[in-house]
Amino acid sequence: MTRRQCTGDYKVKPIKQKVRELLGYPYPLRIPKGVYVEQWVGISTDEFHRAKDADVKYMCNRHPLLDLSWSRADCMRYLTSLGLADTPKSSCLGCPFHGNAQWRQIRDTSPSEWADVVEFDTAIRQGNARANASGSRLLGEAFLHRSRVPLSQAPIDHVTAAERSALLVGADEADALEGGVEDGCSPWACRGDADALTQDGFGLAT
């Protein structure tokens, strides 16, 4: 697994930049005491452990679904009542925690987004100078799909028993291979994050 930087680089940092812009205090200007925004984050009771306070004083996180005690099932019932039963879980487009069903959905419903993720997958092959968790270069190659082959060639339509055996995945891993990681994204956490995020390295922290 490479160094986890998606949340900091692609969510937290851009959100903070935009919030500062909206408040009229772009970095590095100091934001006066008492000036803040309220950010609503759609985390349900199934994922209450992912609800985090903002790490800066100019943002206040609210979790309206937790206030309502709504689970994912409650959300789906509500969306179904509005005719939106097919609403997918939140996630980044090029997330390595996608399952085959999510990759197929992108490929089959949005050719332009599929082209983007295929291009992104190709671009990350060699990682960067500090690509892995220890801050060193990759010893191998990086891929978005769990099969560790280019996304355009990955077996997203069907995974046979032989392929599962070759990939050395068990029943639980096979479920994840098809459906992806169960959790959705939030502005402060990645679908694959087990640990709480810290302020360090996210930039624009003050």
N, C-alpha and C. Protein backbone atom coordinates (compact mmCIF):
# COMPACT_ATOMS: atom_id res chain seq x y z
N MET A 1 0.84 -1.18 0.00
CA MET A 1 0.00 0.00 0.00
C MET A 1 0.88 1.24 0.00
N THR A 2 0.57 2.18 -0.85
CA THR A 2 1.36 3.40 -0.91
C THR A 2 0.97 4.36 0.20
N ARG A 3 1.73 5.43 0.31
CA ARG A 3 1.47 6.45 1.33
C ARG A 3 0.07 7.03 1.12
N ARG A 4 -0.73 7.09 2.20
CA ARG A 4 -2.10 7.57 2.12
C ARG A 4 -2.12 9.09 2.12
N GLN A 5 -2.43 9.70 1.00
CA GLN A 5 -2.42 11.15 0.94
C GLN A 5 -3.65 11.73 0.25
N CYS A 6 -4.57 10.86 -0.19
CA CYS A 6 -5.75 11.33 -0.92
C CYS A 6 -6.55 12.33 -0.11
N THR A 7 -6.85 11.98 1.14
CA THR A 7 -7.71 12.84 1.94
C THR A 7 -7.09 14.22 2.14
N GLY A 8 -5.82 14.26 2.51
CA GLY A 8 -5.17 15.53 2.73
C GLY A 8 -5.02 16.36 1.48
N ASP A 9 -4.54 15.74 0.40
CA ASP A 9 -4.22 16.48 -0.83
C ASP A 9 -5.45 16.83 -1.66
N TYR A 10 -6.43 15.92 -1.72
CA TYR A 10 -7.54 16.09 -2.66
C TYR A 10 -8.86 16.49 -2.01
N LYS A 11 -8.94 16.45 -0.68
CA LYS A 11 -10.18 16.84 -0.02
C LYS A 11 -9.96 17.95 1.00
N VAL A 12 -9.21 17.64 2.07
CA VAL A 12 -9.07 18.60 3.16
C VAL A 12 -8.42 19.91 2.70
N LYS A 13 -7.31 19.81 2.00
CA LYS A 13 -6.61 21.02 1.59
C LYS A 13 -7.44 21.89 0.64
N PRO A 14 -8.04 21.31 -0.43
CA PRO A 14 -8.90 22.14 -1.29
C PRO A 14 -10.11 22.73 -0.57
N ILE A 15 -10.71 21.98 0.36
CA ILE A 15 -11.85 22.50 1.11
C ILE A 15 -11.41 23.71 1.93
N LYS A 16 -10.29 23.59 2.61
CA LYS A 16 -9.80 24.71 3.42
C LYS A 16 -9.48 25.93 2.54
N GLN A 17 -8.89 25.69 1.40
CA GLN A 17 -8.58 26.79 0.49
C GLN A 17 -9.85 27.53 0.06
N LYS A 18 -10.89 26.75 -0.29
CA LYS A 18 -12.15 27.36 -0.73
C LYS A 18 -12.85 28.08 0.41
N VAL A 19 -12.82 27.49 1.60
CA VAL A 19 -13.46 28.12 2.75
C VAL A 19 -12.79 29.46 3.06
N ARG A 20 -11.47 29.46 3.02
CA ARG A 20 -10.75 30.72 3.27
C ARG A 20 -11.11 31.76 2.22
N GLU A 21 -11.23 31.32 0.96
CA GLU A 21 -11.62 32.23 -0.12
C GLU A 21 -13.01 32.80 0.13
N LEU A 22 -13.95 31.94 0.52
CA LEU A 22 -15.32 32.39 0.77
C LEU A 22 -15.40 33.34 1.97
N LEU A 23 -14.55 33.10 2.96
CA LEU A 23 -14.53 33.97 4.13
C LEU A 23 -13.82 35.29 3.86
N GLY A 24 -13.05 35.33 2.77
CA GLY A 24 -12.31 36.55 2.45
C GLY A 24 -10.95 36.64 3.10
N TYR A 25 -10.43 35.49 3.56
CA TYR A 25 -9.11 35.46 4.20
C TYR A 25 -8.26 34.34 3.61
N PRO A 26 -7.85 34.47 2.34
CA PRO A 26 -7.03 33.41 1.74
C PRO A 26 -5.69 33.26 2.48
N TYR A 27 -5.17 32.07 2.48
CA TYR A 27 -3.89 31.78 3.12
C TYR A 27 -2.81 32.67 2.52
N PRO A 28 -1.94 33.31 3.34
CA PRO A 28 -1.71 33.07 4.77
C PRO A 28 -2.35 34.10 5.70
N LEU A 29 -3.38 34.81 5.24
CA LEU A 29 -4.03 35.79 6.11
C LEU A 29 -4.62 35.11 7.34
N ARG A 30 -4.58 35.80 8.47
CA ARG A 30 -5.12 35.27 9.71
C ARG A 30 -6.62 35.52 9.75
N ILE A 31 -7.37 34.50 10.11
CA ILE A 31 -8.83 34.63 10.19
C ILE A 31 -9.20 35.11 11.59
N PRO A 32 -9.96 36.19 11.69
CA PRO A 32 -10.31 36.73 13.01
C PRO A 32 -11.10 35.73 13.86
N LYS A 33 -10.96 35.84 15.13
CA LYS A 33 -11.69 35.00 16.07
C LYS A 33 -13.19 35.20 15.86
N GLY A 34 -13.95 34.11 15.87
CA GLY A 34 -15.40 34.18 15.72
C GLY A 34 -15.89 34.13 14.30
N VAL A 35 -14.95 34.16 13.32
CA VAL A 35 -15.33 34.04 11.91
C VAL A 35 -15.15 32.58 11.51
N TYR A 36 -16.23 31.94 11.10
CA TYR A 36 -16.14 30.52 10.75
C TYR A 36 -17.29 30.14 9.83
N VAL A 37 -17.17 28.97 9.23
CA VAL A 37 -18.25 28.40 8.43
C VAL A 37 -18.74 27.13 9.11
N GLU A 38 -19.98 26.77 8.84
CA GLU A 38 -20.55 25.52 9.32
C GLU A 38 -20.61 24.56 8.13
N GLN A 39 -19.93 23.45 8.25
CA GLN A 39 -19.87 22.46 7.18
C GLN A 39 -20.68 21.22 7.56
N TRP A 40 -21.65 20.89 6.73
CA TRP A 40 -22.48 19.72 6.99
C TRP A 40 -21.87 18.50 6.31
N VAL A 41 -21.69 17.44 7.07
CA VAL A 41 -21.05 16.22 6.58
C VAL A 41 -22.05 15.06 6.71
N GLY A 42 -22.28 14.35 5.60
CA GLY A 42 -23.31 13.31 5.57
C GLY A 42 -22.86 11.96 6.06
N ILE A 43 -22.48 11.86 7.31
CA ILE A 43 -22.09 10.57 7.91
C ILE A 43 -23.28 10.01 8.68
N SER A 44 -23.62 8.75 8.39
CA SER A 44 -24.77 8.12 9.04
C SER A 44 -24.35 7.38 10.30
N THR A 45 -25.32 6.83 11.02
CA THR A 45 -25.02 6.12 12.27
C THR A 45 -24.17 4.88 12.04
N ASP A 46 -24.20 4.31 10.82
CA ASP A 46 -23.36 3.14 10.52
C ASP A 46 -21.88 3.50 10.60
N GLU A 47 -21.58 4.78 10.42
CA GLU A 47 -20.19 5.22 10.36
C GLU A 47 -19.90 6.32 11.38
N PHE A 48 -20.61 6.26 12.52
CA PHE A 48 -20.49 7.36 13.49
C PHE A 48 -19.05 7.57 13.95
N HIS A 49 -18.25 6.50 13.92
CA HIS A 49 -16.85 6.59 14.36
C HIS A 49 -16.02 7.46 13.43
N ARG A 50 -16.56 7.78 12.24
CA ARG A 50 -15.83 8.61 11.29
C ARG A 50 -16.16 10.09 11.42
N ALA A 51 -17.10 10.41 12.31
CA ALA A 51 -17.47 11.82 12.50
C ALA A 51 -16.34 12.52 13.26
N LYS A 52 -15.80 13.54 12.65
CA LYS A 52 -14.66 14.25 13.24
C LYS A 52 -14.97 15.74 13.37
N ASP A 53 -14.40 16.34 14.40
CA ASP A 53 -14.42 17.79 14.50
C ASP A 53 -13.39 18.35 13.53
N ALA A 54 -13.65 19.53 13.02
CA ALA A 54 -12.66 20.18 12.16
C ALA A 54 -11.42 20.49 12.99
N ASP A 55 -10.27 20.51 12.32
CA ASP A 55 -9.02 20.75 13.05
C ASP A 55 -8.59 22.22 13.00
N VAL A 56 -9.49 23.08 12.54
CA VAL A 56 -9.20 24.51 12.51
C VAL A 56 -10.41 25.25 13.10
N LYS A 57 -10.16 26.42 13.67
CA LYS A 57 -11.23 27.16 14.36
C LYS A 57 -12.18 27.85 13.40
N TYR A 58 -11.78 28.01 12.12
CA TYR A 58 -12.66 28.71 11.19
C TYR A 58 -13.64 27.77 10.48
N MET A 59 -13.69 26.50 10.93
CA MET A 59 -14.67 25.55 10.39
C MET A 59 -15.32 24.80 11.55
N CYS A 60 -16.63 24.61 11.44
CA CYS A 60 -17.37 23.86 12.45
C CYS A 60 -18.14 22.75 11.73
N ASN A 61 -17.78 21.51 12.00
CA ASN A 61 -18.44 20.39 11.34
C ASN A 61 -19.76 20.04 12.02
N ARG A 62 -20.80 19.88 11.21
CA ARG A 62 -22.09 19.39 11.68
C ARG A 62 -22.38 18.07 11.00
N HIS A 63 -23.09 17.18 11.71
CA HIS A 63 -23.41 15.86 11.18
C HIS A 63 -24.92 15.65 11.30
N PRO A 64 -25.68 16.22 10.35
CA PRO A 64 -27.15 16.20 10.47
C PRO A 64 -27.75 14.80 10.49
N LEU A 65 -27.14 13.84 9.80
CA LEU A 65 -27.70 12.48 9.81
C LEU A 65 -27.56 11.85 11.19
N LEU A 66 -26.47 12.16 11.89
CA LEU A 66 -26.31 11.68 13.26
C LEU A 66 -27.31 12.37 14.17
N ASP A 67 -27.56 13.67 13.93
CA ASP A 67 -28.56 14.39 14.73
C ASP A 67 -29.93 13.75 14.58
N LEU A 68 -30.21 13.22 13.38
CA LEU A 68 -31.50 12.57 13.11
C LEU A 68 -31.51 11.09 13.48
N SER A 69 -30.33 10.58 13.86
CA SER A 69 -30.15 9.14 14.14
C SER A 69 -30.48 8.29 12.90
N TRP A 70 -30.11 8.78 11.73
CA TRP A 70 -30.38 8.07 10.49
C TRP A 70 -29.24 7.12 10.15
N SER A 71 -29.61 5.90 9.79
CA SER A 71 -28.65 4.91 9.30
C SER A 71 -28.59 4.99 7.77
N ARG A 72 -27.71 4.20 7.19
CA ARG A 72 -27.65 4.13 5.72
C ARG A 72 -28.99 3.67 5.15
N ALA A 73 -29.64 2.71 5.85
CA ALA A 73 -30.94 2.22 5.39
C ALA A 73 -31.99 3.32 5.42
N ASP A 74 -31.96 4.18 6.45
CA ASP A 74 -32.89 5.31 6.51
C ASP A 74 -32.67 6.25 5.33
N CYS A 75 -31.41 6.50 5.02
CA CYS A 75 -31.08 7.37 3.89
C CYS A 75 -31.59 6.78 2.58
N MET A 76 -31.41 5.47 2.41
CA MET A 76 -31.86 4.81 1.18
C MET A 76 -33.38 4.85 1.06
N ARG A 77 -34.09 4.68 2.19
CA ARG A 77 -35.55 4.76 2.16
C ARG A 77 -36.00 6.16 1.73
N TYR A 78 -35.33 7.16 2.27
CA TYR A 78 -35.67 8.54 1.93
C TYR A 78 -35.38 8.82 0.47
N LEU A 79 -34.21 8.41 -0.01
CA LEU A 79 -33.86 8.63 -1.42
C LEU A 79 -34.82 7.89 -2.34
N THR A 80 -35.22 6.67 -1.94
CA THR A 80 -36.17 5.90 -2.74
C THR A 80 -37.51 6.63 -2.84
N SER A 81 -37.92 7.26 -1.73
CA SER A 81 -39.20 7.98 -1.74
C SER A 81 -39.16 9.18 -2.69
N LEU A 82 -37.95 9.64 -3.02
CA LEU A 82 -37.78 10.76 -3.95
C LEU A 82 -37.48 10.28 -5.37
N GLY A 83 -37.49 8.94 -5.56
CA GLY A 83 -37.17 8.38 -6.87
C GLY A 83 -35.69 8.35 -7.16
N LEU A 84 -34.87 8.33 -6.10
CA LEU A 84 -33.41 8.35 -6.26
C LEU A 84 -32.78 7.10 -5.66
N ALA A 85 -33.40 5.96 -5.88
CA ALA A 85 -32.95 4.72 -5.25
C ALA A 85 -31.58 4.28 -5.70
N ASP A 86 -31.15 4.72 -6.89
CA ASP A 86 -29.87 4.27 -7.43
C ASP A 86 -28.71 5.18 -7.06
N THR A 87 -28.91 6.06 -6.09
CA THR A 87 -27.83 6.95 -5.68
C THR A 87 -26.64 6.15 -5.14
N PRO A 88 -25.45 6.30 -5.72
CA PRO A 88 -24.29 5.52 -5.25
C PRO A 88 -23.70 6.11 -3.98
N LYS A 89 -22.92 5.31 -3.26
CA LYS A 89 -22.22 5.82 -2.09
C LYS A 89 -21.16 6.82 -2.54
N SER A 90 -20.83 7.73 -1.67
CA SER A 90 -19.85 8.75 -2.02
C SER A 90 -18.45 8.14 -2.08
N SER A 91 -17.69 8.57 -3.05
CA SER A 91 -16.31 8.11 -3.17
C SER A 91 -15.60 8.95 -4.22
N CYS A 92 -14.30 8.97 -4.14
CA CYS A 92 -13.51 9.66 -5.15
C CYS A 92 -13.51 8.82 -6.43
N LEU A 93 -13.41 9.50 -7.56
CA LEU A 93 -13.50 8.81 -8.85
C LEU A 93 -12.43 7.74 -9.01
N GLY A 94 -11.19 8.08 -8.70
CA GLY A 94 -10.09 7.13 -8.88
C GLY A 94 -9.67 6.45 -7.61
N CYS A 95 -10.64 6.06 -6.79
CA CYS A 95 -10.33 5.46 -5.49
C CYS A 95 -9.88 4.00 -5.63
N PRO A 96 -8.74 3.63 -5.06
CA PRO A 96 -8.29 2.24 -5.14
C PRO A 96 -9.13 1.29 -4.31
N PHE A 97 -10.06 1.81 -3.52
CA PHE A 97 -10.94 0.96 -2.72
C PHE A 97 -12.24 0.62 -3.45
N HIS A 98 -12.39 1.06 -4.70
CA HIS A 98 -13.55 0.66 -5.50
C HIS A 98 -13.55 -0.86 -5.68
N GLY A 99 -14.77 -1.42 -5.73
CA GLY A 99 -14.92 -2.81 -6.13
C GLY A 99 -15.24 -2.87 -7.62
N ASN A 100 -15.32 -4.09 -8.15
CA ASN A 100 -15.60 -4.25 -9.58
C ASN A 100 -16.92 -3.61 -9.99
N ALA A 101 -17.94 -3.70 -9.12
CA ALA A 101 -19.24 -3.12 -9.47
C ALA A 101 -19.12 -1.61 -9.68
N GLN A 102 -18.31 -0.96 -8.85
CA GLN A 102 -18.15 0.49 -8.99
C GLN A 102 -17.34 0.84 -10.24
N TRP A 103 -16.31 0.05 -10.53
CA TRP A 103 -15.55 0.29 -11.77
C TRP A 103 -16.44 0.10 -12.99
N ARG A 104 -17.31 -0.93 -12.96
CA ARG A 104 -18.21 -1.16 -14.10
C ARG A 104 -19.19 -0.01 -14.25
N GLN A 105 -19.67 0.50 -13.11
CA GLN A 105 -20.64 1.60 -13.16
C GLN A 105 -20.02 2.82 -13.84
N ILE A 106 -18.77 3.12 -13.51
CA ILE A 106 -18.09 4.26 -14.14
C ILE A 106 -17.90 4.00 -15.63
N ARG A 107 -17.41 2.81 -15.96
CA ARG A 107 -17.14 2.49 -17.36
C ARG A 107 -18.40 2.50 -18.21
N ASP A 108 -19.49 1.95 -17.65
CA ASP A 108 -20.70 1.76 -18.46
C ASP A 108 -21.60 2.98 -18.51
N THR A 109 -21.45 3.90 -17.56
CA THR A 109 -22.35 5.05 -17.53
C THR A 109 -21.68 6.38 -17.83
N SER A 110 -20.36 6.43 -17.74
CA SER A 110 -19.67 7.70 -17.95
C SER A 110 -18.34 7.47 -18.68
N PRO A 111 -18.38 7.35 -20.00
CA PRO A 111 -17.15 7.09 -20.77
C PRO A 111 -16.05 8.12 -20.52
N SER A 112 -16.42 9.38 -20.34
CA SER A 112 -15.39 10.41 -20.14
C SER A 112 -14.69 10.22 -18.79
N GLU A 113 -15.47 9.88 -17.75
CA GLU A 113 -14.86 9.63 -16.44
C GLU A 113 -14.03 8.35 -16.46
N TRP A 114 -14.50 7.35 -17.19
CA TRP A 114 -13.73 6.12 -17.34
C TRP A 114 -12.39 6.41 -18.00
N ALA A 115 -12.41 7.23 -19.05
CA ALA A 115 -11.16 7.60 -19.72
C ALA A 115 -10.23 8.32 -18.76
N ASP A 116 -10.81 9.17 -17.90
CA ASP A 116 -10.00 9.90 -16.92
C ASP A 116 -9.32 8.96 -15.93
N VAL A 117 -10.08 7.97 -15.40
CA VAL A 117 -9.47 7.09 -14.39
C VAL A 117 -8.47 6.13 -15.02
N VAL A 118 -8.71 5.72 -16.27
CA VAL A 118 -7.72 4.89 -16.97
C VAL A 118 -6.43 5.67 -17.17
N GLU A 119 -6.56 6.94 -17.54
CA GLU A 119 -5.38 7.79 -17.71
C GLU A 119 -4.66 8.00 -16.38
N PHE A 120 -5.44 8.23 -15.31
CA PHE A 120 -4.85 8.41 -13.99
C PHE A 120 -4.13 7.15 -13.54
N ASP A 121 -4.75 5.99 -13.77
CA ASP A 121 -4.13 4.72 -13.41
C ASP A 121 -2.78 4.56 -14.09
N THR A 122 -2.71 4.92 -15.35
CA THR A 122 -1.45 4.83 -16.08
C THR A 122 -0.41 5.79 -15.52
N ALA A 123 -0.87 6.98 -15.14
CA ALA A 123 0.04 8.02 -14.67
C ALA A 123 0.69 7.68 -13.32
N ILE A 124 0.03 6.87 -12.49
CA ILE A 124 0.57 6.58 -11.16
C ILE A 124 1.49 5.36 -11.14
N ARG A 125 1.72 4.75 -12.29
CA ARG A 125 2.42 3.46 -12.32
C ARG A 125 3.73 3.46 -11.53
N GLN A 126 4.52 4.51 -11.67
CA GLN A 126 5.82 4.55 -10.98
C GLN A 126 5.76 5.30 -9.66
N GLY A 127 4.58 5.76 -9.27
CA GLY A 127 4.47 6.50 -8.02
C GLY A 127 5.25 7.79 -8.09
N ASN A 128 5.80 8.21 -6.97
CA ASN A 128 6.67 9.39 -6.95
C ASN A 128 7.85 9.12 -6.04
N ALA A 129 8.66 10.13 -5.83
CA ALA A 129 9.90 9.92 -5.08
C ALA A 129 9.67 9.51 -3.62
N ARG A 130 8.49 9.80 -3.07
CA ARG A 130 8.17 9.41 -1.69
C ARG A 130 6.81 8.71 -1.68
N ALA A 131 6.69 7.66 -2.47
CA ALA A 131 5.38 7.07 -2.74
C ALA A 131 4.86 6.15 -1.65
N ASN A 132 5.74 5.46 -0.92
CA ASN A 132 5.20 4.49 0.03
C ASN A 132 5.17 5.05 1.45
N ALA A 133 4.65 4.25 2.37
CA ALA A 133 4.41 4.73 3.73
C ALA A 133 5.69 5.14 4.44
N SER A 134 6.82 4.58 4.04
CA SER A 134 8.09 4.94 4.68
C SER A 134 8.76 6.12 4.00
N GLY A 135 8.11 6.68 2.96
CA GLY A 135 8.66 7.84 2.28
C GLY A 135 9.73 7.52 1.27
N SER A 136 9.74 6.28 0.77
CA SER A 136 10.72 5.86 -0.23
C SER A 136 10.05 5.60 -1.57
N ARG A 137 10.86 5.40 -2.60
CA ARG A 137 10.32 5.06 -3.91
C ARG A 137 9.66 3.68 -3.87
N LEU A 138 8.71 3.47 -4.78
CA LEU A 138 8.09 2.15 -4.90
C LEU A 138 9.11 1.13 -5.36
N LEU A 139 9.01 -0.08 -4.81
CA LEU A 139 9.85 -1.17 -5.29
C LEU A 139 9.22 -1.82 -6.51
N GLY A 140 7.91 -1.69 -6.64
CA GLY A 140 7.20 -2.25 -7.79
C GLY A 140 6.45 -1.16 -8.53
N GLU A 141 5.21 -1.46 -8.93
CA GLU A 141 4.40 -0.51 -9.67
C GLU A 141 3.07 -0.30 -8.94
N ALA A 142 2.47 0.86 -9.16
CA ALA A 142 1.19 1.19 -8.52
C ALA A 142 0.05 1.00 -9.51
N PHE A 143 -1.07 0.46 -9.02
CA PHE A 143 -2.27 0.23 -9.83
C PHE A 143 -3.49 0.61 -9.00
N LEU A 144 -4.56 1.05 -9.66
CA LEU A 144 -5.81 1.33 -8.97
C LEU A 144 -6.56 0.06 -8.64
N HIS A 145 -6.52 -0.94 -9.52
CA HIS A 145 -7.30 -2.16 -9.32
C HIS A 145 -6.52 -3.18 -8.49
N ARG A 146 -7.25 -3.93 -7.67
CA ARG A 146 -6.62 -4.90 -6.77
C ARG A 146 -5.88 -6.02 -7.48
N SER A 147 -6.22 -6.25 -8.74
CA SER A 147 -5.55 -7.31 -9.50
C SER A 147 -4.13 -6.94 -9.88
N ARG A 148 -3.77 -5.67 -9.68
CA ARG A 148 -2.45 -5.15 -10.01
C ARG A 148 -2.12 -5.30 -11.49
N VAL A 149 -3.12 -5.00 -12.31
CA VAL A 149 -2.93 -4.88 -13.75
C VAL A 149 -3.56 -3.55 -14.16
N PRO A 150 -3.20 -3.00 -15.34
CA PRO A 150 -3.79 -1.73 -15.77
C PRO A 150 -5.32 -1.79 -15.72
N LEU A 151 -5.93 -0.70 -15.30
CA LEU A 151 -7.38 -0.67 -15.12
C LEU A 151 -8.12 -1.03 -16.40
N SER A 152 -7.59 -0.61 -17.55
CA SER A 152 -8.23 -0.91 -18.83
C SER A 152 -8.24 -2.40 -19.13
N GLN A 153 -7.38 -3.17 -18.45
CA GLN A 153 -7.30 -4.62 -18.67
C GLN A 153 -7.78 -5.42 -17.47
N ALA A 154 -8.13 -4.74 -16.41
CA ALA A 154 -8.49 -5.43 -15.16
C ALA A 154 -9.78 -6.24 -15.33
N PRO A 155 -9.89 -7.36 -14.61
CA PRO A 155 -11.06 -8.25 -14.73
C PRO A 155 -12.26 -7.74 -13.95
N ILE A 156 -12.78 -6.59 -14.38
CA ILE A 156 -13.89 -5.99 -13.61
C ILE A 156 -15.24 -6.60 -13.94
N ASP A 157 -15.35 -7.37 -15.04
CA ASP A 157 -16.64 -7.96 -15.40
C ASP A 157 -16.90 -9.29 -14.71
N HIS A 158 -15.84 -10.00 -14.43
CA HIS A 158 -16.03 -11.32 -13.82
C HIS A 158 -14.73 -11.77 -13.17
N VAL A 159 -14.83 -12.32 -11.97
CA VAL A 159 -13.67 -12.88 -11.30
C VAL A 159 -13.94 -14.36 -11.06
N THR A 160 -13.23 -15.22 -11.78
CA THR A 160 -13.44 -16.66 -11.66
C THR A 160 -12.79 -17.19 -10.39
N ALA A 161 -13.13 -18.45 -10.04
CA ALA A 161 -12.52 -19.08 -8.86
C ALA A 161 -11.02 -19.18 -9.04
N ALA A 162 -10.59 -19.47 -10.28
CA ALA A 162 -9.15 -19.57 -10.55
C ALA A 162 -8.46 -18.22 -10.35
N GLU A 163 -9.14 -17.16 -10.79
CA GLU A 163 -8.57 -15.82 -10.62
C GLU A 163 -8.49 -15.45 -9.15
N ARG A 164 -9.53 -15.81 -8.38
CA ARG A 164 -9.51 -15.54 -6.95
C ARG A 164 -8.35 -16.28 -6.30
N SER A 165 -8.15 -17.53 -6.70
CA SER A 165 -7.06 -18.32 -6.16
C SER A 165 -5.72 -17.70 -6.51
N ALA A 166 -5.61 -17.25 -7.76
CA ALA A 166 -4.35 -16.63 -8.21
C ALA A 166 -4.06 -15.35 -7.45
N LEU A 167 -5.13 -14.64 -7.09
CA LEU A 167 -4.98 -13.39 -6.35
C LEU A 167 -4.87 -13.63 -4.84
N LEU A 168 -5.04 -14.91 -4.42
CA LEU A 168 -4.95 -15.28 -3.02
C LEU A 168 -5.92 -14.50 -2.15
N VAL A 169 -7.15 -14.37 -2.62
CA VAL A 169 -8.15 -13.65 -1.83
C VAL A 169 -9.13 -14.64 -1.21
N GLY A 170 -9.58 -14.33 0.01
CA GLY A 170 -10.56 -15.15 0.69
C GLY A 170 -11.96 -14.66 0.42
N ALA A 171 -12.94 -15.22 1.13
CA ALA A 171 -14.33 -14.85 0.90
C ALA A 171 -14.59 -13.38 1.19
N ASP A 172 -14.07 -12.90 2.32
CA ASP A 172 -14.27 -11.49 2.67
C ASP A 172 -13.63 -10.58 1.64
N GLU A 173 -12.42 -10.94 1.22
CA GLU A 173 -11.72 -10.13 0.23
C GLU A 173 -12.43 -10.18 -1.12
N ALA A 174 -13.01 -11.34 -1.44
CA ALA A 174 -13.75 -11.45 -2.70
C ALA A 174 -14.96 -10.54 -2.70
N ASP A 175 -15.63 -10.42 -1.54
CA ASP A 175 -16.76 -9.49 -1.44
C ASP A 175 -16.30 -8.06 -1.65
N ALA A 176 -15.17 -7.72 -1.06
CA ALA A 176 -14.63 -6.36 -1.22
C ALA A 176 -14.21 -6.12 -2.66
N LEU A 177 -13.70 -7.18 -3.32
CA LEU A 177 -13.29 -7.07 -4.71
C LEU A 177 -14.47 -6.70 -5.59
N GLU A 178 -15.64 -7.23 -5.29
CA GLU A 178 -16.83 -6.93 -6.08
C GLU A 178 -17.49 -5.63 -5.65
N GLY A 179 -17.72 -5.46 -4.36
CA GLY A 179 -18.48 -4.31 -3.90
C GLY A 179 -17.66 -3.12 -3.45
N GLY A 180 -16.37 -3.32 -3.22
CA GLY A 180 -15.55 -2.23 -2.72
C GLY A 180 -15.66 -2.11 -1.21
N VAL A 181 -14.91 -1.20 -0.65
CA VAL A 181 -14.97 -0.95 0.79
C VAL A 181 -16.35 -0.41 1.13
N GLU A 182 -16.91 -0.90 2.25
CA GLU A 182 -18.31 -0.58 2.58
C GLU A 182 -18.53 0.91 2.84
N ASP A 183 -17.62 1.53 3.57
CA ASP A 183 -17.81 2.93 3.93
C ASP A 183 -17.76 3.85 2.72
N GLY A 184 -18.43 4.99 2.84
CA GLY A 184 -18.31 6.03 1.83
C GLY A 184 -17.24 7.03 2.24
N CYS A 185 -17.06 8.05 1.44
CA CYS A 185 -16.07 9.10 1.74
C CYS A 185 -16.69 10.18 2.60
N SER A 186 -15.84 10.86 3.33
CA SER A 186 -16.23 12.11 3.98
C SER A 186 -15.11 13.11 3.71
N PRO A 187 -15.35 14.39 3.95
CA PRO A 187 -14.28 15.36 3.72
C PRO A 187 -13.06 15.14 4.59
N TRP A 188 -13.21 14.40 5.70
CA TRP A 188 -12.10 14.26 6.64
C TRP A 188 -11.59 12.83 6.74
N ALA A 189 -12.11 11.93 5.93
CA ALA A 189 -11.66 10.54 6.03
C ALA A 189 -11.80 9.83 4.70
N CYS A 190 -10.88 8.90 4.47
CA CYS A 190 -10.89 8.08 3.26
C CYS A 190 -11.68 6.80 3.55
N ARG A 191 -12.21 6.18 2.50
CA ARG A 191 -12.97 4.93 2.68
C ARG A 191 -12.11 3.85 3.33
N GLY A 192 -10.81 3.91 3.11
CA GLY A 192 -9.93 2.88 3.65
C GLY A 192 -9.25 3.25 4.95
N ASP A 193 -9.55 4.42 5.51
CA ASP A 193 -8.88 4.87 6.72
C ASP A 193 -9.46 4.17 7.94
N ALA A 194 -8.59 3.54 8.69
CA ALA A 194 -9.03 2.94 9.95
C ALA A 194 -8.74 3.87 11.11
N ASP A 195 -7.76 4.74 10.94
CA ASP A 195 -7.33 5.60 12.04
C ASP A 195 -7.84 7.02 11.84
N ALA A 196 -7.97 7.73 12.92
CA ALA A 196 -8.37 9.13 12.84
C ALA A 196 -7.28 9.93 12.16
N LEU A 197 -7.69 10.92 11.41
CA LEU A 197 -6.74 11.77 10.73
C LEU A 197 -6.21 12.83 11.68
N THR A 198 -5.02 13.28 11.39
CA THR A 198 -4.44 14.34 12.19
C THR A 198 -4.26 15.58 11.34
N GLN A 199 -3.93 16.66 12.01
CA GLN A 199 -3.77 17.94 11.33
C GLN A 199 -2.48 17.97 10.51
N ASP A 200 -1.46 17.22 10.95
CA ASP A 200 -0.15 17.29 10.33
C ASP A 200 -0.19 16.95 8.86
N GLY A 201 0.49 17.77 8.06
CA GLY A 201 0.66 17.47 6.65
C GLY A 201 -0.50 17.88 5.77
N PHE A 202 -1.59 18.39 6.33
CA PHE A 202 -2.73 18.75 5.51
C PHE A 202 -2.62 20.17 4.97
N GLY A 203 -1.73 20.97 5.56
CA GLY A 203 -1.56 22.33 5.06
C GLY A 203 -2.71 23.23 5.46
N LEU A 204 -2.47 24.52 5.43
CA LEU A 204 -3.50 25.52 5.72
C LEU A 204 -4.17 25.24 7.07
N ALA A 205 -3.41 24.79 8.03
CA ALA A 205 -4.00 24.34 9.29
C ALA A 205 -4.30 25.48 10.24
N THR A 206 -3.78 26.66 9.97
CA THR A 206 -4.05 27.74 10.91
C THR A 206 -4.69 28.92 10.21
